[in-house]
Amino acid sequence: MPTYVYKNLATGDTFEIRQRITEPALTEHPETGDPVKRVVQPVGIAFKGSGFYVNDSRGSGGSKAGASEGASESASASASKPAATPRASTD
């Protein structure tokens, strides 16, 4: 079950409660009855291994300018080809 953080609106204190995801958010403190609000917490994510950084995905010896030139050449080559026409069915 996930742990949710709530802030007591009367005192400003925060507390944690374990609740099911399907349960509605609390509106009052379970012990004092003061109004409370759920606080959104940041998620801790750690990217480990290769492939998460820009320098991990580049090929060896390639430059950014060279990669963009190759992409523009292939785009212009495909633009100069005539469009294919659909064949008529002989049924």
PDB file of N, CA and C in Angstrom:
ATOM      1  N   MET A   1       0.849  -1.181   0.000  1.00  0.00           N
ATOM      2  CA  MET A   1       0.000   0.000   0.000  1.00  0.00           C
ATOM      3  C   MET A   1       0.891   1.239   0.000  1.00  0.00           C
ATOM      4  N   PRO A   2       0.507   2.237  -0.772  1.00  0.00           N
ATOM      5  CA  PRO A   2       1.306   3.461  -0.813  1.00  0.00           C
ATOM      6  C   PRO A   2       1.127   4.312   0.447  1.00  0.00           C
ATOM      7  N   THR A   3       2.137   5.118   0.701  1.00  0.00           N
ATOM      8  CA  THR A   3       2.103   6.052   1.826  1.00  0.00           C
ATOM      9  C   THR A   3       1.844   7.447   1.280  1.00  0.00           C
ATOM     10  N   TYR A   4       0.842   8.114   1.813  1.00  0.00           N
ATOM     11  CA  TYR A   4       0.493   9.467   1.387  1.00  0.00           C
ATOM     12  C   TYR A   4       0.837  10.461   2.484  1.00  0.00           C
ATOM     13  N   VAL A   5       1.242  11.656   2.074  1.00  0.00           N
ATOM     14  CA  VAL A   5       1.576  12.721   3.009  1.00  0.00           C
ATOM     15  C   VAL A   5       0.421  13.716   3.025  1.00  0.00           C
ATOM     16  N   TYR A   6      -0.005  14.077   4.215  1.00  0.00           N
ATOM     17  CA  TYR A   6      -1.073  15.053   4.398  1.00  0.00           C
ATOM     18  C   TYR A   6      -0.556  16.210   5.227  1.00  0.00           C
ATOM     19  N   LYS A   7      -1.141  17.394   4.981  1.00  0.00           N
ATOM     20  CA  LYS A   7      -0.796  18.588   5.751  1.00  0.00           C
ATOM     21  C   LYS A   7      -2.022  19.019   6.543  1.00  0.00           C
ATOM     22  N   ASN A   8      -1.821  19.225   7.826  1.00  0.00           N
ATOM     23  CA  ASN A   8      -2.886  19.720   8.679  1.00  0.00           C
ATOM     24  C   ASN A   8      -3.036  21.213   8.403  1.00  0.00           C
ATOM     25  N   LEU A   9      -4.189  21.638   7.908  1.00  0.00           N
ATOM     26  CA  LEU A   9      -4.389  23.038   7.526  1.00  0.00           C
ATOM     27  C   LEU A   9      -4.498  23.962   8.743  1.00  0.00           C
ATOM     28  N   ALA A  10      -4.852  23.432   9.893  1.00  0.00           N
ATOM     29  CA  ALA A  10      -4.972  24.256  11.093  1.00  0.00           C
ATOM     30  C   ALA A  10      -3.610  24.535  11.721  1.00  0.00           C
ATOM     31  N   THR A  11      -2.744  23.520  11.793  1.00  0.00           N
ATOM     32  CA  THR A  11      -1.462  23.678  12.474  1.00  0.00           C
ATOM     33  C   THR A  11      -0.272  23.756  11.515  1.00  0.00           C
ATOM     34  N   GLY A  12      -0.422  23.290  10.286  1.00  0.00           N
ATOM     35  CA  GLY A  12       0.684  23.283   9.328  1.00  0.00           C
ATOM     36  C   GLY A  12       1.576  22.059   9.428  1.00  0.00           C
ATOM     37  N   ASP A  13       1.281  21.156  10.359  1.00  0.00           N
ATOM     38  CA  ASP A  13       2.069  19.938  10.514  1.00  0.00           C
ATOM     39  C   ASP A  13       1.767  18.963   9.373  1.00  0.00           C
ATOM     40  N   THR A  14       2.749  18.122   9.064  1.00  0.00           N
ATOM     41  CA  THR A  14       2.534  17.087   8.053  1.00  0.00           C
ATOM     42  C   THR A  14       2.617  15.718   8.720  1.00  0.00           C
ATOM     43  N   PHE A  15       1.897  14.760   8.141  1.00  0.00           N
ATOM     44  CA  PHE A  15       1.925  13.389   8.642  1.00  0.00           C
ATOM     45  C   PHE A  15       1.700  12.444   7.473  1.00  0.00           C
ATOM     46  N   GLU A  16       2.088  11.194   7.686  1.00  0.00           N
ATOM     47  CA  GLU A  16       1.971  10.171   6.646  1.00  0.00           C
ATOM     48  C   GLU A  16       0.938   9.138   7.056  1.00  0.00           C
ATOM     49  N   ILE A  17       0.204   8.653   6.052  1.00  0.00           N
ATOM     50  CA  ILE A  17      -0.780   7.598   6.284  1.00  0.00           C
ATOM     51  C   ILE A  17      -0.687   6.615   5.123  1.00  0.00           C
ATOM     52  N   ARG A  18      -0.703   5.313   5.462  1.00  0.00           N
ATOM     53  CA  ARG A  18      -0.746   4.280   4.425  1.00  0.00           C
ATOM     54  C   ARG A  18      -2.193   4.024   4.066  1.00  0.00           C
ATOM     55  N   GLN A  19      -2.502   4.188   2.760  1.00  0.00           N
ATOM     56  CA  GLN A  19      -3.864   3.986   2.281  1.00  0.00           C
ATOM     57  C   GLN A  19      -3.822   3.196   0.987  1.00  0.00           C
ATOM     58  N   ARG A  20      -4.919   2.550   0.675  1.00  0.00           N
ATOM     59  CA  ARG A  20      -5.055   1.919  -0.631  1.00  0.00           C
ATOM     60  C   ARG A  20      -5.239   3.005  -1.680  1.00  0.00           C
ATOM     61  N   ILE A  21      -4.869   2.691  -2.910  1.00  0.00           N
ATOM     62  CA  ILE A  21      -5.031   3.664  -3.995  1.00  0.00           C
ATOM     63  C   ILE A  21      -6.502   3.960  -4.235  1.00  0.00           C
ATOM     64  N   THR A  22      -7.353   2.976  -4.022  1.00  0.00           N
ATOM     65  CA  THR A  22      -8.785   3.146  -4.285  1.00  0.00           C
ATOM     66  C   THR A  22      -9.511   3.932  -3.198  1.00  0.00           C
ATOM     67  N   GLU A  23      -8.883   4.117  -2.036  1.00  0.00           N
ATOM     68  CA  GLU A  23      -9.526   4.876  -0.958  1.00  0.00           C
ATOM     69  C   GLU A  23      -9.540   6.369  -1.290  1.00  0.00           C
ATOM     70  N   PRO A  24     -10.604   7.069  -0.933  1.00  0.00           N
ATOM     71  CA  PRO A  24     -10.623   8.521  -1.169  1.00  0.00           C
ATOM     72  C   PRO A  24      -9.634   9.234  -0.249  1.00  0.00           C
ATOM     73  N   ALA A  25      -9.189  10.406  -0.663  1.00  0.00           N
ATOM     74  CA  ALA A  25      -8.246  11.197   0.142  1.00  0.00           C
ATOM     75  C   ALA A  25      -8.934  11.653   1.425  1.00  0.00           C
ATOM     76  N   LEU A  26      -8.148  11.745   2.481  1.00  0.00           N
ATOM     77  CA  LEU A  26      -8.692  12.213   3.762  1.00  0.00           C
ATOM     78  C   LEU A  26      -9.050  13.691   3.669  1.00  0.00           C
ATOM     79  N   THR A  27     -10.070  14.099   4.390  1.00  0.00           N
ATOM     80  CA  THR A  27     -10.443  15.512   4.453  1.00  0.00           C
ATOM     81  C   THR A  27     -10.254  16.069   5.865  1.00  0.00           C
ATOM     82  N   GLU A  28     -10.143  15.158   6.849  1.00  0.00           N
ATOM     83  CA  GLU A  28      -9.904  15.598   8.222  1.00  0.00           C
ATOM     84  C   GLU A  28      -8.918  14.653   8.899  1.00  0.00           C
ATOM     85  N   HIS A  29      -8.188  15.210   9.861  1.00  0.00           N
ATOM     86  CA  HIS A  29      -7.180  14.440  10.596  1.00  0.00           C
ATOM     87  C   HIS A  29      -7.883  13.315  11.355  1.00  0.00           C
ATOM     88  N   PRO A  30      -7.349  12.084  11.275  1.00  0.00           N
ATOM     89  CA  PRO A  30      -8.037  10.966  11.929  1.00  0.00           C
ATOM     90  C   PRO A  30      -8.077  11.067  13.461  1.00  0.00           C
ATOM     91  N   GLU A  31      -7.150  11.802  14.091  1.00  0.00           N
ATOM     92  CA  GLU A  31      -7.124  11.899  15.553  1.00  0.00           C
ATOM     93  C   GLU A  31      -7.757  13.188  16.070  1.00  0.00           C
ATOM     94  N   THR A  32      -7.468  14.330  15.400  1.00  0.00           N
ATOM     95  CA  THR A  32      -7.941  15.615  15.919  1.00  0.00           C
ATOM     96  C   THR A  32      -9.176  16.141  15.210  1.00  0.00           C
ATOM     97  N   GLY A  33      -9.429  15.690  13.990  1.00  0.00           N
ATOM     98  CA  GLY A  33     -10.589  16.178  13.246  1.00  0.00           C
ATOM     99  C   GLY A  33     -10.331  17.468  12.495  1.00  0.00           C
ATOM    100  N   ASP A  34      -9.074  17.986  12.544  1.00  0.00           N
ATOM    101  CA  ASP A  34      -8.729  19.208  11.811  1.00  0.00           C
ATOM    102  C   ASP A  34      -8.765  18.943  10.306  1.00  0.00           C
ATOM    103  N   PRO A  35      -9.057  19.975   9.506  1.00  0.00           N
ATOM    104  CA  PRO A  35      -9.050  19.776   8.052  1.00  0.00           C
ATOM    105  C   PRO A  35      -7.626  19.509   7.547  1.00  0.00           C
ATOM    106  N   VAL A  36      -7.497  18.582   6.595  1.00  0.00           N
ATOM    107  CA  VAL A  36      -6.195  18.225   6.032  1.00  0.00           C
ATOM    108  C   VAL A  36      -6.269  18.245   4.509  1.00  0.00           C
ATOM    109  N   LYS A  37      -5.082  18.327   3.905  1.00  0.00           N
ATOM    110  CA  LYS A  37      -4.963  18.329   2.450  1.00  0.00           C
ATOM    111  C   LYS A  37      -3.821  17.404   2.071  1.00  0.00           C
ATOM    112  N   ARG A  38      -4.026  16.592   1.015  1.00  0.00           N
ATOM    113  CA  ARG A  38      -2.969  15.682   0.559  1.00  0.00           C
ATOM    114  C   ARG A  38      -1.882  16.490  -0.137  1.00  0.00           C
ATOM    115  N   VAL A  39      -0.629  16.196   0.184  1.00  0.00           N
ATOM    116  CA  VAL A  39       0.517  16.891  -0.392  1.00  0.00           C
ATOM    117  C   VAL A  39       1.146  15.991  -1.448  1.00  0.00           C
ATOM    118  N   VAL A  40       1.367  16.534  -2.635  1.00  0.00           N
ATOM    119  CA  VAL A  40       1.991  15.772  -3.711  1.00  0.00           C
ATOM    120  C   VAL A  40       3.491  15.736  -3.467  1.00  0.00           C
ATOM    121  N   GLN A  41       4.058  14.541  -3.482  1.00  0.00           N
ATOM    122  CA  GLN A  41       5.479  14.350  -3.231  1.00  0.00           C
ATOM    123  C   GLN A  41       6.206  14.028  -4.533  1.00  0.00           C
ATOM    124  N   PRO A  42       7.435  14.530  -4.710  1.00  0.00           N
ATOM    125  CA  PRO A  42       8.202  14.188  -5.911  1.00  0.00           C
ATOM    126  C   PRO A  42       8.626  12.721  -5.871  1.00  0.00           C
ATOM    127  N   VAL A  43       8.718  12.148  -7.048  1.00  0.00           N
ATOM    128  CA  VAL A  43       9.106  10.750  -7.169  1.00  0.00           C
ATOM    129  C   VAL A  43      10.606  10.671  -7.375  1.00  0.00           C
ATOM    130  N   GLY A  44      11.263   9.810  -6.643  1.00  0.00           N
ATOM    131  CA  GLY A  44      12.703   9.630  -6.793  1.00  0.00           C
ATOM    132  C   GLY A  44      12.996   8.599  -7.867  1.00  0.00           C
ATOM    133  N   ILE A  45      13.640   9.029  -8.955  1.00  0.00           N
ATOM    134  CA  ILE A  45      13.972   8.127 -10.052  1.00  0.00           C
ATOM    135  C   ILE A  45      15.473   8.172 -10.262  1.00  0.00           C
ATOM    136  N   ALA A  46      16.080   7.014 -10.389  1.00  0.00           N
ATOM    137  CA  ALA A  46      17.516   6.925 -10.664  1.00  0.00           C
ATOM    138  C   ALA A  46      17.706   6.188 -11.979  1.00  0.00           C
ATOM    139  N   PHE A  47      18.272   6.869 -12.973  1.00  0.00           N
ATOM    140  CA  PHE A  47      18.549   6.259 -14.262  1.00  0.00           C
ATOM    141  C   PHE A  47      19.944   5.666 -14.203  1.00  0.00           C
ATOM    142  N   LYS A  48      20.016   4.341 -14.225  1.00  0.00           N
ATOM    143  CA  LYS A  48      21.307   3.669 -14.153  1.00  0.00           C
ATOM    144  C   LYS A  48      21.530   2.880 -15.431  1.00  0.00           C
ATOM    145  N   GLY A  49      22.788   2.748 -15.819  1.00  0.00           N
ATOM    146  CA  GLY A  49      23.118   1.986 -17.015  1.00  0.00           C
ATOM    147  C   GLY A  49      23.351   2.896 -18.198  1.00  0.00           C
ATOM    148  N   SER A  50      23.637   2.281 -19.329  1.00  0.00           N
ATOM    149  CA  SER A  50      23.925   3.086 -20.524  1.00  0.00           C
ATOM    150  C   SER A  50      22.639   3.406 -21.276  1.00  0.00           C
ATOM    151  N   GLY A  51      22.699   4.441 -22.079  1.00  0.00           N
ATOM    152  CA  GLY A  51      21.562   4.804 -22.914  1.00  0.00           C
ATOM    153  C   GLY A  51      20.704   5.924 -22.376  1.00  0.00           C
ATOM    154  N   PHE A  52      21.018   6.476 -21.222  1.00  0.00           N
ATOM    155  CA  PHE A  52      20.199   7.529 -20.646  1.00  0.00           C
ATOM    156  C   PHE A  52      20.771   8.918 -20.868  1.00  0.00           C
ATOM    157  N   TYR A  53      21.960   8.998 -21.398  1.00  0.00           N
ATOM    158  CA  TYR A  53      22.590  10.290 -21.618  1.00  0.00           C
ATOM    159  C   TYR A  53      22.800  10.511 -23.097  1.00  0.00           C
ATOM    160  N   VAL A  54      22.885  11.756 -23.528  1.00  0.00           N
ATOM    161  CA  VAL A  54      23.033  12.103 -24.929  1.00  0.00           C
ATOM    162  C   VAL A  54      24.299  11.482 -25.505  1.00  0.00           C
ATOM    163  N   ASN A  55      25.387  11.503 -24.759  1.00  0.00           N
ATOM    164  CA  ASN A  55      26.643  10.982 -25.280  1.00  0.00           C
ATOM    165  C   ASN A  55      26.656   9.447 -25.341  1.00  0.00           C
ATOM    166  N   ASP A  56      25.692   8.751 -24.717  1.00  0.00           N
ATOM    167  CA  ASP A  56      25.624   7.297 -24.793  1.00  0.00           C
ATOM    168  C   ASP A  56      24.995   6.814 -26.090  1.00  0.00           C
ATOM    169  N   SER A  57      24.175   7.631 -26.727  1.00  0.00           N
ATOM    170  CA  SER A  57      23.441   7.166 -27.900  1.00  0.00           C
ATOM    171  C   SER A  57      24.121   7.511 -29.217  1.00  0.00           C
ATOM    172  N   ARG A  58      25.186   8.256 -29.200  1.00  0.00           N
ATOM    173  CA  ARG A  58      25.873   8.617 -30.434  1.00  0.00           C
ATOM    174  C   ARG A  58      26.797   7.498 -30.886  1.00  0.00           C
ATOM    175  N   GLY A  59      26.954   7.385 -32.209  1.00  0.00           N
ATOM    176  CA  GLY A  59      27.889   6.417 -32.762  1.00  0.00           C
ATOM    177  C   GLY A  59      29.311   6.926 -32.607  1.00  0.00           C
ATOM    178  N   SER A  60      30.278   6.074 -32.814  1.00  0.00           N
ATOM    179  CA  SER A  60      31.668   6.487 -32.654  1.00  0.00           C
ATOM    180  C   SER A  60      32.111   7.310 -33.850  1.00  0.00           C
ATOM    181  N   GLY A  61      32.753   8.428 -33.600  1.00  0.00           N
ATOM    182  CA  GLY A  61      33.320   9.270 -34.641  1.00  0.00           C
ATOM    183  C   GLY A  61      32.314  10.130 -35.381  1.00  0.00           C
ATOM    184  N   GLY A  62      31.053  10.020 -35.094  1.00  0.00           N
ATOM    185  CA  GLY A  62      30.046  10.820 -35.787  1.00  0.00           C
ATOM    186  C   GLY A  62      29.895  12.180 -35.143  1.00  0.00           C
ATOM    187  N   SER A  63      29.587  13.164 -35.955  1.00  0.00           N
ATOM    188  CA  SER A  63      29.357  14.496 -35.409  1.00  0.00           C
ATOM    189  C   SER A  63      27.906  14.870 -35.634  1.00  0.00           C
ATOM    190  N   LYS A  64      27.452  15.868 -34.916  1.00  0.00           N
ATOM    191  CA  LYS A  64      26.062  16.292 -35.033  1.00  0.00           C
ATOM    192  C   LYS A  64      25.782  16.857 -36.415  1.00  0.00           C
ATOM    193  N   ALA A  65      26.728  17.616 -36.985  1.00  0.00           N
ATOM    194  CA  ALA A  65      26.543  18.196 -38.316  1.00  0.00           C
ATOM    195  C   ALA A  65      26.500  17.106 -39.381  1.00  0.00           C
ATOM    196  N   GLY A  66      27.339  16.092 -39.250  1.00  0.00           N
ATOM    197  CA  GLY A  66      27.363  15.017 -40.226  1.00  0.00           C
ATOM    198  C   GLY A  66      26.078  14.208 -40.203  1.00  0.00           C
ATOM    199  N   ALA A  67      25.513  14.017 -39.033  1.00  0.00           N
ATOM    200  CA  ALA A  67      24.277  13.250 -38.923  1.00  0.00           C
ATOM    201  C   ALA A  67      23.116  14.011 -39.552  1.00  0.00           C
ATOM    202  N   SER A  68      23.086  15.332 -39.382  1.00  0.00           N
ATOM    203  CA  SER A  68      21.985  16.095 -39.961  1.00  0.00           C
ATOM    204  C   SER A  68      22.125  16.216 -41.468  1.00  0.00           C
ATOM    205  N   GLU A  69      23.368  16.218 -42.003  1.00  0.00           N
ATOM    206  CA  GLU A  69      23.552  16.263 -43.449  1.00  0.00           C
ATOM    207  C   GLU A  69      23.051  14.986 -44.097  1.00  0.00           C
ATOM    208  N   GLY A  70      23.331  13.849 -43.479  1.00  0.00           N
ATOM    209  CA  GLY A  70      22.876  12.572 -44.020  1.00  0.00           C
ATOM    210  C   GLY A  70      21.367  12.477 -44.020  1.00  0.00           C
ATOM    211  N   ALA A  71      20.739  13.025 -42.996  1.00  0.00           N
ATOM    212  CA  ALA A  71      19.287  12.992 -42.912  1.00  0.00           C
ATOM    213  C   ALA A  71      18.665  13.871 -43.980  1.00  0.00           C
ATOM    214  N   SER A  72      19.271  15.034 -44.270  1.00  0.00           N
ATOM    215  CA  SER A  72      18.700  15.913 -45.277  1.00  0.00           C
ATOM    216  C   SER A  72      18.920  15.355 -46.677  1.00  0.00           C
ATOM    217  N   GLU A  73      20.042  14.635 -46.898  1.00  0.00           N
ATOM    218  CA  GLU A  73      20.282  14.039 -48.197  1.00  0.00           C
ATOM    219  C   GLU A  73      19.263  12.949 -48.488  1.00  0.00           C
ATOM    220  N   SER A  74      18.949  12.110 -47.494  1.00  0.00           N
ATOM    221  CA  SER A  74      17.989  11.042 -47.719  1.00  0.00           C
ATOM    222  C   SER A  74      16.586  11.608 -47.892  1.00  0.00           C
ATOM    223  N   ALA A  75      16.287  12.714 -47.245  1.00  0.00           N
ATOM    224  CA  ALA A  75      14.975  13.337 -47.397  1.00  0.00           C
ATOM    225  C   ALA A  75      14.818  13.919 -48.789  1.00  0.00           C
ATOM    226  N   SER A  76      15.877  14.546 -49.331  1.00  0.00           N
ATOM    227  CA  SER A  76      15.777  15.121 -50.662  1.00  0.00           C
ATOM    228  C   SER A  76      15.759  14.030 -51.719  1.00  0.00           C
ATOM    229  N   ALA A  77      16.445  12.895 -51.479  1.00  0.00           N
ATOM    230  CA  ALA A  77      16.439  11.798 -52.434  1.00  0.00           C
ATOM    231  C   ALA A  77      15.056  11.177 -52.527  1.00  0.00           C
ATOM    232  N   SER A  78      14.370  11.034 -51.395  1.00  0.00           N
ATOM    233  CA  SER A  78      13.039  10.449 -51.435  1.00  0.00           C
ATOM    234  C   SER A  78      12.031  11.432 -52.023  1.00  0.00           C
ATOM    235  N   ALA A  79      12.292  12.728 -51.923  1.00  0.00           N
ATOM    236  CA  ALA A  79      11.384  13.720 -52.480  1.00  0.00           C
ATOM    237  C   ALA A  79      11.460  13.741 -54.004  1.00  0.00           C
ATOM    238  N   SER A  80      12.616  13.356 -54.600  1.00  0.00           N
ATOM    239  CA  SER A  80      12.761  13.405 -56.048  1.00  0.00           C
ATOM    240  C   SER A  80      12.188  12.174 -56.734  1.00  0.00           C
ATOM    241  N   LYS A  81      11.854  11.113 -56.005  1.00  0.00           N
ATOM    242  CA  LYS A  81      11.273   9.912 -56.596  1.00  0.00           C
ATOM    243  C   LYS A  81       9.819  10.179 -56.956  1.00  0.00           C
ATOM    244  N   PRO A  82       9.349   9.628 -58.085  1.00  0.00           N
ATOM    245  CA  PRO A  82       7.941   9.827 -58.436  1.00  0.00           C
ATOM    246  C   PRO A  82       7.033   9.039 -57.496  1.00  0.00           C
ATOM    247  N   ALA A  83       5.839   9.548 -57.277  1.00  0.00           N
ATOM    248  CA  ALA A  83       4.888   8.894 -56.388  1.00  0.00           C
ATOM    249  C   ALA A  83       4.361   7.632 -57.047  1.00  0.00           C
ATOM    250  N   ALA A  84       4.172   6.593 -56.289  1.00  0.00           N
ATOM    251  CA  ALA A  84       3.650   5.330 -56.807  1.00  0.00           C
ATOM    252  C   ALA A  84       2.152   5.467 -57.029  1.00  0.00           C
ATOM    253  N   THR A  85       1.674   4.908 -58.147  1.00  0.00           N
ATOM    254  CA  THR A  85       0.248   4.945 -58.434  1.00  0.00           C
ATOM    255  C   THR A  85      -0.358   3.582 -58.111  1.00  0.00           C
ATOM    256  N   PRO A  86      -1.526   3.539 -57.531  1.00  0.00           N
ATOM    257  CA  PRO A  86      -2.143   2.250 -57.181  1.00  0.00           C
ATOM    258  C   PRO A  86      -2.558   1.492 -58.433  1.00  0.00           C
ATOM    259  N   ARG A  87      -2.425   0.163 -58.395  1.00  0.00           N
ATOM    260  CA  ARG A  87      -2.822  -0.672 -59.514  1.00  0.00           C
ATOM    261  C   ARG A  87      -4.320  -0.934 -59.469  1.00  0.00           C
ATOM    262  N   ALA A  88      -4.903  -1.042 -60.627  1.00  0.00           N
ATOM    263  CA  ALA A  88      -6.314  -1.364 -60.707  1.00  0.00           C
ATOM    264  C   ALA A  88      -6.490  -2.863 -60.547  1.00  0.00           C
ATOM    265  N   SER A  89      -7.530  -3.261 -59.871  1.00  0.00           N
ATOM    266  CA  SER A  89      -7.794  -4.675 -59.645  1.00  0.00           C
ATOM    267  C   SER A  89      -8.382  -5.289 -60.901  1.00  0.00           C
ATOM    268  N   THR A  90      -8.002  -6.533 -61.235  1.00  0.00           N
ATOM    269  CA  THR A  90      -8.509  -7.204 -62.447  1.00  0.00           C
ATOM    270  C   THR A  90      -9.511  -8.285 -62.081  1.00  0.00           C
ATOM    271  N   ASP A  91     -10.239  -8.106 -61.030  1.00  0.00           N
ATOM    272  CA  ASP A  91     -11.227  -9.117 -60.591  1.00  0.00           C
ATOM    273  C   ASP A  91     -12.399  -9.195 -61.502  1.00  0.00           C
TER     274      ASP A  91
END
